Amino acid sequence: MHKILLIQGPNMSYLGKRQPEIYGKTTAARLDALLLAHAQKNSYALEIFYTHSEP
């Protein structure tokens, strides 16, 4: 089984809340659910990690 680590960066928690006319109405939680369902359907292990650190 393939494994994927998705690292989400700063401000991703604002998805769906901040300027939805630009970024859309999909929240980070909804995006996570969609990605996890897709990974499971395709036999991938997906781990999603959020960080607020910037380089």
PDB file of N, CA and C in Angstrom:
ATOM      1  N   MET A   1       0.851  -1.189   0.000  1.00  0.00           N
ATOM      2  CA  MET A   1       0.000   0.000   0.000  1.00  0.00           C
ATOM      3  C   MET A   1       0.889   1.242   0.000  1.00  0.00           C
ATOM      4  N   HIS A   2       0.585   2.158  -0.874  1.00  0.00           N
ATOM      5  CA  HIS A   2       1.310   3.425  -0.927  1.00  0.00           C
ATOM      6  C   HIS A   2       0.857   4.317   0.226  1.00  0.00           C
ATOM      7  N   LYS A   3       1.806   5.096   0.737  1.00  0.00           N
ATOM      8  CA  LYS A   3       1.502   6.027   1.827  1.00  0.00           C
ATOM      9  C   LYS A   3       1.792   7.449   1.363  1.00  0.00           C
ATOM     10  N   ILE A   4       0.902   8.344   1.712  1.00  0.00           N
ATOM     11  CA  ILE A   4       1.054   9.753   1.351  1.00  0.00           C
ATOM     12  C   ILE A   4       0.923  10.592   2.610  1.00  0.00           C
ATOM     13  N   LEU A   5       1.852  11.513   2.795  1.00  0.00           N
ATOM     14  CA  LEU A   5       1.762  12.496   3.871  1.00  0.00           C
ATOM     15  C   LEU A   5       1.484  13.838   3.212  1.00  0.00           C
ATOM     16  N   LEU A   6       0.345  14.411   3.524  1.00  0.00           N
ATOM     17  CA  LEU A   6      -0.043  15.719   2.994  1.00  0.00           C
ATOM     18  C   LEU A   6       0.179  16.748   4.095  1.00  0.00           C
ATOM     19  N   ILE A   7       1.060  17.687   3.855  1.00  0.00           N
ATOM     20  CA  ILE A   7       1.348  18.731   4.837  1.00  0.00           C
ATOM     21  C   ILE A   7       0.659  20.009   4.381  1.00  0.00           C
ATOM     22  N   GLN A   8      -0.324  20.424   5.135  1.00  0.00           N
ATOM     23  CA  GLN A   8      -1.080  21.644   4.841  1.00  0.00           C
ATOM     24  C   GLN A   8      -0.431  22.801   5.590  1.00  0.00           C
ATOM     25  N   GLY A   9      -0.249  23.898   4.924  1.00  0.00           N
ATOM     26  CA  GLY A   9       0.455  25.035   5.493  1.00  0.00           C
ATOM     27  C   GLY A   9      -0.428  26.041   6.203  1.00  0.00           C
ATOM     28  N   PRO A  10       0.158  27.181   6.522  1.00  0.00           N
ATOM     29  CA  PRO A  10      -0.526  28.224   7.274  1.00  0.00           C
ATOM     30  C   PRO A  10      -1.821  28.680   6.601  1.00  0.00           C
ATOM     31  N   ASN A  11      -2.770  29.015   7.411  1.00  0.00           N
ATOM     32  CA  ASN A  11      -4.049  29.597   6.991  1.00  0.00           C
ATOM     33  C   ASN A  11      -4.995  28.634   6.282  1.00  0.00           C
ATOM     34  N   MET A  12      -4.646  27.358   6.183  1.00  0.00           N
ATOM     35  CA  MET A  12      -5.555  26.403   5.542  1.00  0.00           C
ATOM     36  C   MET A  12      -6.847  26.259   6.343  1.00  0.00           C
ATOM     37  N   SER A  13      -6.790  26.524   7.626  1.00  0.00           N
ATOM     38  CA  SER A  13      -7.995  26.433   8.457  1.00  0.00           C
ATOM     39  C   SER A  13      -9.017  27.509   8.097  1.00  0.00           C
ATOM     40  N   TYR A  14      -8.604  28.504   7.319  1.00  0.00           N
ATOM     41  CA  TYR A  14      -9.523  29.562   6.897  1.00  0.00           C
ATOM     42  C   TYR A  14     -10.287  29.214   5.618  1.00  0.00           C
ATOM     43  N   LEU A  15      -9.971  28.068   5.011  1.00  0.00           N
ATOM     44  CA  LEU A  15     -10.673  27.681   3.788  1.00  0.00           C
ATOM     45  C   LEU A  15     -12.174  27.654   4.026  1.00  0.00           C
ATOM     46  N   GLY A  16     -12.903  28.208   3.099  1.00  0.00           N
ATOM     47  CA  GLY A  16     -14.355  28.238   3.201  1.00  0.00           C
ATOM     48  C   GLY A  16     -14.896  29.365   4.060  1.00  0.00           C
ATOM     49  N   LYS A  17     -14.013  30.039   4.782  1.00  0.00           N
ATOM     50  CA  LYS A  17     -14.426  31.117   5.687  1.00  0.00           C
ATOM     51  C   LYS A  17     -13.927  32.477   5.197  1.00  0.00           C
ATOM     52  N   ARG A  18     -12.695  32.497   4.753  1.00  0.00           N
ATOM     53  CA  ARG A  18     -12.069  33.752   4.341  1.00  0.00           C
ATOM     54  C   ARG A  18     -12.194  33.916   2.832  1.00  0.00           C
ATOM     55  N   GLN A  19     -12.819  34.978   2.424  1.00  0.00           N
ATOM     56  CA  GLN A  19     -12.997  35.329   1.016  1.00  0.00           C
ATOM     57  C   GLN A  19     -13.491  34.146   0.173  1.00  0.00           C
ATOM     58  N   PRO A  20     -14.660  33.595   0.527  1.00  0.00           N
ATOM     59  CA  PRO A  20     -15.167  32.444  -0.235  1.00  0.00           C
ATOM     60  C   PRO A  20     -15.426  32.760  -1.705  1.00  0.00           C
ATOM     61  N   GLU A  21     -15.607  34.032  -2.033  1.00  0.00           N
ATOM     62  CA  GLU A  21     -15.798  34.397  -3.438  1.00  0.00           C
ATOM     63  C   GLU A  21     -14.524  34.186  -4.256  1.00  0.00           C
ATOM     64  N   ILE A  22     -13.380  34.138  -3.587  1.00  0.00           N
ATOM     65  CA  ILE A  22     -12.101  33.893  -4.259  1.00  0.00           C
ATOM     66  C   ILE A  22     -11.668  32.438  -4.093  1.00  0.00           C
ATOM     67  N   TYR A  23     -11.701  31.950  -2.837  1.00  0.00           N
ATOM     68  CA  TYR A  23     -11.155  30.636  -2.513  1.00  0.00           C
ATOM     69  C   TYR A  23     -12.195  29.522  -2.487  1.00  0.00           C
ATOM     70  N   GLY A  24     -13.462  29.858  -2.634  1.00  0.00           N
ATOM     71  CA  GLY A  24     -14.514  28.853  -2.609  1.00  0.00           C
ATOM     72  C   GLY A  24     -15.063  28.632  -1.212  1.00  0.00           C
ATOM     73  N   LYS A  25     -16.083  27.794  -1.127  1.00  0.00           N
ATOM     74  CA  LYS A  25     -16.762  27.560   0.147  1.00  0.00           C
ATOM     75  C   LYS A  25     -16.382  26.234   0.797  1.00  0.00           C
ATOM     76  N   THR A  26     -15.509  25.473   0.159  1.00  0.00           N
ATOM     77  CA  THR A  26     -15.086  24.188   0.712  1.00  0.00           C
ATOM     78  C   THR A  26     -14.181  24.423   1.915  1.00  0.00           C
ATOM     79  N   THR A  27     -14.555  23.852   3.053  1.00  0.00           N
ATOM     80  CA  THR A  27     -13.756  24.005   4.268  1.00  0.00           C
ATOM     81  C   THR A  27     -12.604  23.002   4.273  1.00  0.00           C
ATOM     82  N   ALA A  28     -11.639  23.231   5.146  1.00  0.00           N
ATOM     83  CA  ALA A  28     -10.513  22.313   5.283  1.00  0.00           C
ATOM     84  C   ALA A  28     -11.006  20.934   5.712  1.00  0.00           C
ATOM     85  N   ALA A  29     -11.980  20.884   6.609  1.00  0.00           N
ATOM     86  CA  ALA A  29     -12.521  19.598   7.065  1.00  0.00           C
ATOM     87  C   ALA A  29     -13.178  18.841   5.914  1.00  0.00           C
ATOM     88  N   ARG A  30     -13.909  19.549   5.073  1.00  0.00           N
ATOM     89  CA  ARG A  30     -14.562  18.912   3.924  1.00  0.00           C
ATOM     90  C   ARG A  30     -13.517  18.431   2.924  1.00  0.00           C
ATOM     91  N   LEU A  31     -12.501  19.239   2.685  1.00  0.00           N
ATOM     92  CA  LEU A  31     -11.423  18.851   1.784  1.00  0.00           C
ATOM     93  C   LEU A  31     -10.719  17.600   2.307  1.00  0.00           C
ATOM     94  N   ASP A  32     -10.446  17.565   3.607  1.00  0.00           N
ATOM     95  CA  ASP A  32      -9.831  16.383   4.222  1.00  0.00           C
ATOM     96  C   ASP A  32     -10.686  15.147   3.983  1.00  0.00           C
ATOM     97  N   ALA A  33     -11.988  15.266   4.206  1.00  0.00           N
ATOM     98  CA  ALA A  33     -12.899  14.133   4.030  1.00  0.00           C
ATOM     99  C   ALA A  33     -12.890  13.641   2.581  1.00  0.00           C
ATOM    100  N   LEU A  34     -12.910  14.561   1.642  1.00  0.00           N
ATOM    101  CA  LEU A  34     -12.874  14.186   0.228  1.00  0.00           C
ATOM    102  C   LEU A  34     -11.567  13.474  -0.130  1.00  0.00           C
ATOM    103  N   LEU A  35     -10.461  14.014   0.353  1.00  0.00           N
ATOM    104  CA  LEU A  35      -9.156  13.419   0.058  1.00  0.00           C
ATOM    105  C   LEU A  35      -9.005  12.045   0.704  1.00  0.00           C
ATOM    106  N   LEU A  36      -9.458  11.913   1.948  1.00  0.00           N
ATOM    107  CA  LEU A  36      -9.369  10.624   2.635  1.00  0.00           C
ATOM    108  C   LEU A  36     -10.237   9.571   1.951  1.00  0.00           C
ATOM    109  N   ALA A  37     -11.413   9.950   1.516  1.00  0.00           N
ATOM    110  CA  ALA A  37     -12.296   9.019   0.810  1.00  0.00           C
ATOM    111  C   ALA A  37     -11.663   8.581  -0.513  1.00  0.00           C
ATOM    112  N   HIS A  38     -11.075   9.526  -1.220  1.00  0.00           N
ATOM    113  CA  HIS A  38     -10.419   9.206  -2.491  1.00  0.00           C
ATOM    114  C   HIS A  38      -9.234   8.265  -2.257  1.00  0.00           C
ATOM    115  N   ALA A  39      -8.447   8.541  -1.231  1.00  0.00           N
ATOM    116  CA  ALA A  39      -7.296   7.694  -0.920  1.00  0.00           C
ATOM    117  C   ALA A  39      -7.749   6.275  -0.571  1.00  0.00           C
ATOM    118  N   GLN A  40      -8.769   6.164   0.253  1.00  0.00           N
ATOM    119  CA  GLN A  40      -9.266   4.847   0.652  1.00  0.00           C
ATOM    120  C   GLN A  40      -9.788   4.077  -0.563  1.00  0.00           C
ATOM    121  N   LYS A  41     -10.516   4.751  -1.409  1.00  0.00           N
ATOM    122  CA  LYS A  41     -11.073   4.129  -2.617  1.00  0.00           C
ATOM    123  C   LYS A  41      -9.968   3.591  -3.524  1.00  0.00           C
ATOM    124  N   ASN A  42      -8.821   4.259  -3.515  1.00  0.00           N
ATOM    125  CA  ASN A  42      -7.710   3.885  -4.389  1.00  0.00           C
ATOM    126  C   ASN A  42      -6.578   3.166  -3.656  1.00  0.00           C
ATOM    127  N   SER A  43      -6.868   2.665  -2.460  1.00  0.00           N
ATOM    128  CA  SER A  43      -5.925   1.854  -1.666  1.00  0.00           C
ATOM    129  C   SER A  43      -4.636   2.587  -1.307  1.00  0.00           C
ATOM    130  N   TYR A  44      -4.776   3.849  -0.940  1.00  0.00           N
ATOM    131  CA  TYR A  44      -3.654   4.629  -0.435  1.00  0.00           C
ATOM    132  C   TYR A  44      -3.885   4.922   1.039  1.00  0.00           C
ATOM    133  N   ALA A  45      -2.799   4.991   1.791  1.00  0.00           N
ATOM    134  CA  ALA A  45      -2.873   5.451   3.173  1.00  0.00           C
ATOM    135  C   ALA A  45      -2.531   6.938   3.146  1.00  0.00           C
ATOM    136  N   LEU A  46      -3.424   7.759   3.622  1.00  0.00           N
ATOM    137  CA  LEU A  46      -3.219   9.209   3.600  1.00  0.00           C
ATOM    138  C   LEU A  46      -3.223   9.751   5.016  1.00  0.00           C
ATOM    139  N   GLU A  47      -2.179  10.489   5.339  1.00  0.00           N
ATOM    140  CA  GLU A  47      -2.112  11.199   6.614  1.00  0.00           C
ATOM    141  C   GLU A  47      -2.061  12.684   6.294  1.00  0.00           C
ATOM    142  N   ILE A  48      -2.914  13.448   6.957  1.00  0.00           N
ATOM    143  CA  ILE A  48      -2.969  14.892   6.725  1.00  0.00           C
ATOM    144  C   ILE A  48      -2.474  15.591   7.981  1.00  0.00           C
ATOM    145  N   PHE A  49      -1.506  16.460   7.799  1.00  0.00           N
ATOM    146  CA  PHE A  49      -0.881  17.167   8.912  1.00  0.00           C
ATOM    147  C   PHE A  49      -0.974  18.662   8.651  1.00  0.00           C
ATOM    148  N   TYR A  50      -1.423  19.394   9.642  1.00  0.00           N
ATOM    149  CA  TYR A  50      -1.512  20.853   9.527  1.00  0.00           C
ATOM    150  C   TYR A  50      -0.391  21.497  10.325  1.00  0.00           C
ATOM    151  N   THR A  51       0.251  22.475   9.724  1.00  0.00           N
ATOM    152  CA  THR A  51       1.288  23.229  10.415  1.00  0.00           C
ATOM    153  C   THR A  51       1.048  24.716  10.177  1.00  0.00           C
ATOM    154  N   HIS A  52       1.389  25.506  11.145  1.00  0.00           N
ATOM    155  CA  HIS A  52       1.267  26.953  10.997  1.00  0.00           C
ATOM    156  C   HIS A  52       2.643  27.599  10.892  1.00  0.00           C
ATOM    157  N   SER A  53       3.658  26.756  10.708  1.00  0.00           N
ATOM    158  CA  SER A  53       5.025  27.250  10.556  1.00  0.00           C
ATOM    159  C   SER A  53       5.266  27.691   9.123  1.00  0.00           C
ATOM    160  N   GLU A  54       6.044  28.712   8.978  1.00  0.00           N
ATOM    161  CA  GLU A  54       6.470  29.165   7.656  1.00  0.00           C
ATOM    162  C   GLU A  54       7.983  29.130   7.626  1.00  0.00           C
ATOM    163  N   PRO A  55       8.554  28.821   6.447  1.00  0.00           N
ATOM    164  CA  PRO A  55      10.029  28.766   6.358  1.00  0.00           C
ATOM    165  C   PRO A  55      10.666  30.110   6.602  1.00  0.00           C
TER     166      PRO A  55
END
